[in-house]
């Protein structure tokens, strides 16, 4: 699931993806998406808000956009860091999240 989402966004200018397993999260994978905010004129918190307000509503990990990783201890996420937890997704939800993240980040790259 994390790889499918990563593949959908990694060809957007400056976007980088990393699959990681936080040490305090029952050893389940998460996806970290980072980008250059000079090229993509949107903060991770703004991405989070747009996904939350869209249809369907999508909730990102609370560490998204935080300076100290929030619940992701030891991970510095920062204002351009999006954290996607995939372990509770039902079949097909990864494709929906991938499509919406691509839409939001692509639009920001055109701004």
Foldseek 3Di string as FASTA:
>chain_A
DLVVLCVLAVVQPFKDKDWDAAPPDVRAIKIKIFGDCVQQVAWQVRLQVVQCPDVPRDHFDPLGQDQQSVVRHPDGQHRGITIHGDPPDDPPVSVVSSVSSSVNRNVSNVD
